[in-house]
C-alpha cells in the first residue's frame, strides 16, 4: 500500500512540475529545471528549408520554442503554441536533426522570433 502511495505521489508531483514548465514556456519565460532536464527558450531557423526534416512538422519559426539538450544527432523541441486546447503535452513535441537547424536565444517583447529566411549551407 505504501509503494502505491509513493508511486501516486511521484506521478502527481511530476505532472505538476510538467504543467508548471509548460506554463512558464507559454508565458515566454525560460523554465526552471524539470527533474534534472534543462530547456531553454529559443528561436529556430532551418539551415536549408528543403532538407529540414521535422517529426511531426512543420518547424515553428515565428515564435519561441523550448529546446532540450541534444541526444546524439537529434534534439527535441517543445512548441507551446502547437495543438492548442490539447491536454496532452506530447502532441507539442518535435524531433529534428541538430545539423539542420540554427537556434538563438529568444528575445523578450512583441516579436521575440522574427521570421528568418532559410540559409542554404555554403551561401
Protein backbone atom coordinates (compact mmCIF):
# COMPACT_ATOMS: atom_id res chain seq x y z
CA UNK A 1 0.00 0.00 0.00
CA UNK A 2 2.84 2.41 0.83
CA UNK A 3 4.55 1.65 -2.51
CA UNK A 4 1.35 2.54 -4.35
CA UNK A 5 1.01 5.79 -2.39
CA UNK A 6 4.63 6.70 -3.14
CA UNK A 7 4.12 5.98 -6.86
CA UNK A 8 0.97 8.11 -6.99
CA UNK A 9 2.68 10.96 -5.14
CA UNK A 10 5.67 10.81 -7.52
CA UNK A 11 3.47 10.86 -10.61
CA UNK A 12 1.41 13.71 -9.19
CA UNK A 13 4.48 15.85 -8.48
CA UNK A 14 5.88 15.08 -11.95
CA UNK A 15 2.60 16.13 -13.55
CA UNK A 16 2.56 19.35 -11.51
CA UNK A 17 6.17 20.14 -12.48
CA UNK A 18 5.42 19.45 -16.17
CA UNK A 19 2.40 21.76 -16.07
CA UNK A 20 4.46 24.49 -14.37
CA UNK A 21 7.20 24.14 -17.02
CA UNK A 22 4.61 24.33 -19.82
CA UNK A 23 3.03 27.44 -18.30
CA UNK A 24 6.43 29.16 -17.98
CA UNK A 25 7.27 28.40 -21.62
CA UNK A 26 3.85 29.55 -22.87
CA UNK A 27 4.33 32.80 -20.95
CA UNK A 28 7.65 33.38 -22.73
CA UNK A 29 9.96 32.57 -19.82
CA UNK A 30 12.85 30.13 -19.59
CA UNK A 31 11.54 27.29 -17.44
CA UNK A 32 13.18 26.12 -14.26
CA UNK A 33 14.89 22.72 -14.28
CA UNK A 34 12.48 19.82 -14.51
CA UNK A 35 13.77 16.71 -12.71
CA UNK A 36 17.30 17.31 -13.98
CA UNK A 37 16.19 18.09 -17.54
CA UNK A 38 17.02 21.60 -18.65
CA UNK A 39 15.46 23.51 -21.51
CA UNK A 40 15.87 26.97 -22.92
CA UNK A 41 13.53 29.22 -24.88
CA UNK A 42 14.94 29.67 -28.40
CA UNK A 43 14.08 30.81 -31.90
CA UNK A 44 14.66 28.17 -34.58
CA UNK A 45 15.65 28.64 -38.22
CA UNK A 46 16.19 25.90 -40.81
CA UNK A 47 19.62 25.88 -42.42
CA UNK A 48 18.10 24.53 -45.64
CA UNK A 49 14.32 24.57 -45.59
CA UNK A 50 14.01 21.98 -48.36
CA UNK A 51 16.15 19.47 -46.48
CA UNK A 52 14.94 20.05 -42.92
CA UNK A 53 13.11 17.01 -41.58
CA UNK A 54 10.90 17.70 -38.57
CA UNK A 55 8.81 14.97 -36.98
CA UNK A 56 5.98 15.92 -36.88
CA UNK A 57 6.38 19.10 -38.91
CA UNK A 58 6.34 21.89 -39.69
CA UNK A 59 9.21 23.67 -37.92
CA UNK A 60 7.91 26.62 -35.88
CA UNK A 61 10.00 29.65 -36.83
CA UNK A 62 7.78 32.60 -35.89
CA UNK A 63 7.65 32.12 -32.13
CA UNK A 64 9.86 30.72 -29.34
CA UNK A 65 10.02 27.01 -28.57
CA UNK A 66 11.72 25.06 -25.82
CA UNK A 67 14.91 23.31 -26.90
CA UNK A 68 16.13 20.40 -24.81
CA UNK A 69 19.65 19.02 -24.61
CA UNK A 70 20.74 17.09 -27.71
CA UNK A 71 20.80 13.33 -27.77
CA UNK A 72 23.23 12.17 -30.41
CA UNK A 73 22.47 13.99 -33.65
CA UNK A 74 18.89 14.96 -32.76
CA UNK A 75 17.22 17.38 -30.42
CA UNK A 76 13.70 17.70 -29.11
CA UNK A 77 11.73 20.91 -29.32
CA UNK A 78 8.51 21.68 -27.50
CA UNK A 79 6.15 24.17 -29.09
CA UNK A 80 3.74 25.79 -26.58
CA UNK A 81 1.55 27.09 -29.44
CA UNK A 82 1.15 23.70 -31.17
CA UNK A 83 -2.07 21.75 -30.65
CA UNK A 84 -3.77 24.41 -28.58
CA UNK A 85 -6.56 23.03 -26.49
CA UNK A 86 -4.99 19.61 -26.06
CA UNK A 87 -4.28 18.27 -22.60
CA UNK A 88 -1.52 16.04 -23.94
CA UNK A 89 1.84 17.86 -23.85
CA UNK A 90 3.40 15.13 -26.03
CA UNK A 91 1.40 16.47 -29.00
CA UNK A 92 3.55 19.62 -28.82
CA UNK A 93 6.89 17.77 -29.11
CA UNK A 94 9.03 17.91 -32.26
CA UNK A 95 12.17 15.99 -33.20
CA UNK A 96 14.77 17.45 -35.56
CA UNK A 97 18.39 16.80 -36.50
CA UNK A 98 20.71 19.37 -34.93
CA UNK A 99 22.71 19.79 -38.14
CA UNK A 100 19.58 21.02 -39.96
CA UNK A 101 18.69 23.96 -37.71
CA UNK A 102 20.17 27.03 -36.08
CA UNK A 103 18.94 28.26 -32.72
CA UNK A 104 19.35 31.56 -30.94
CA UNK A 105 18.02 32.74 -27.57
CA UNK A 106 14.50 34.13 -27.80
CA UNK A 107 14.23 37.84 -27.12
CA UNK A 108 11.56 39.39 -24.94
CA UNK A 109 8.95 41.67 -26.41
CA UNK A 110 6.32 41.68 -29.09
CA UNK A 111 8.44 39.98 -31.79
CA UNK A 112 10.69 37.54 -29.93
CA UNK A 113 11.37 35.47 -33.08
CA UNK A 114 11.28 37.46 -36.29
CA UNK A 115 10.75 35.06 -39.15
CA UNK A 116 14.20 34.37 -40.55
CA UNK A 117 14.95 33.40 -44.13
CA UNK A 118 16.43 29.92 -44.53
CA UNK A 119 20.13 29.98 -45.38
CA UNK A 120 21.50 27.25 -47.60
CA UNK A 121 24.84 25.84 -46.45
CA UNK A 122 27.76 27.36 -48.34
CA UNK A 123 25.98 30.59 -49.23
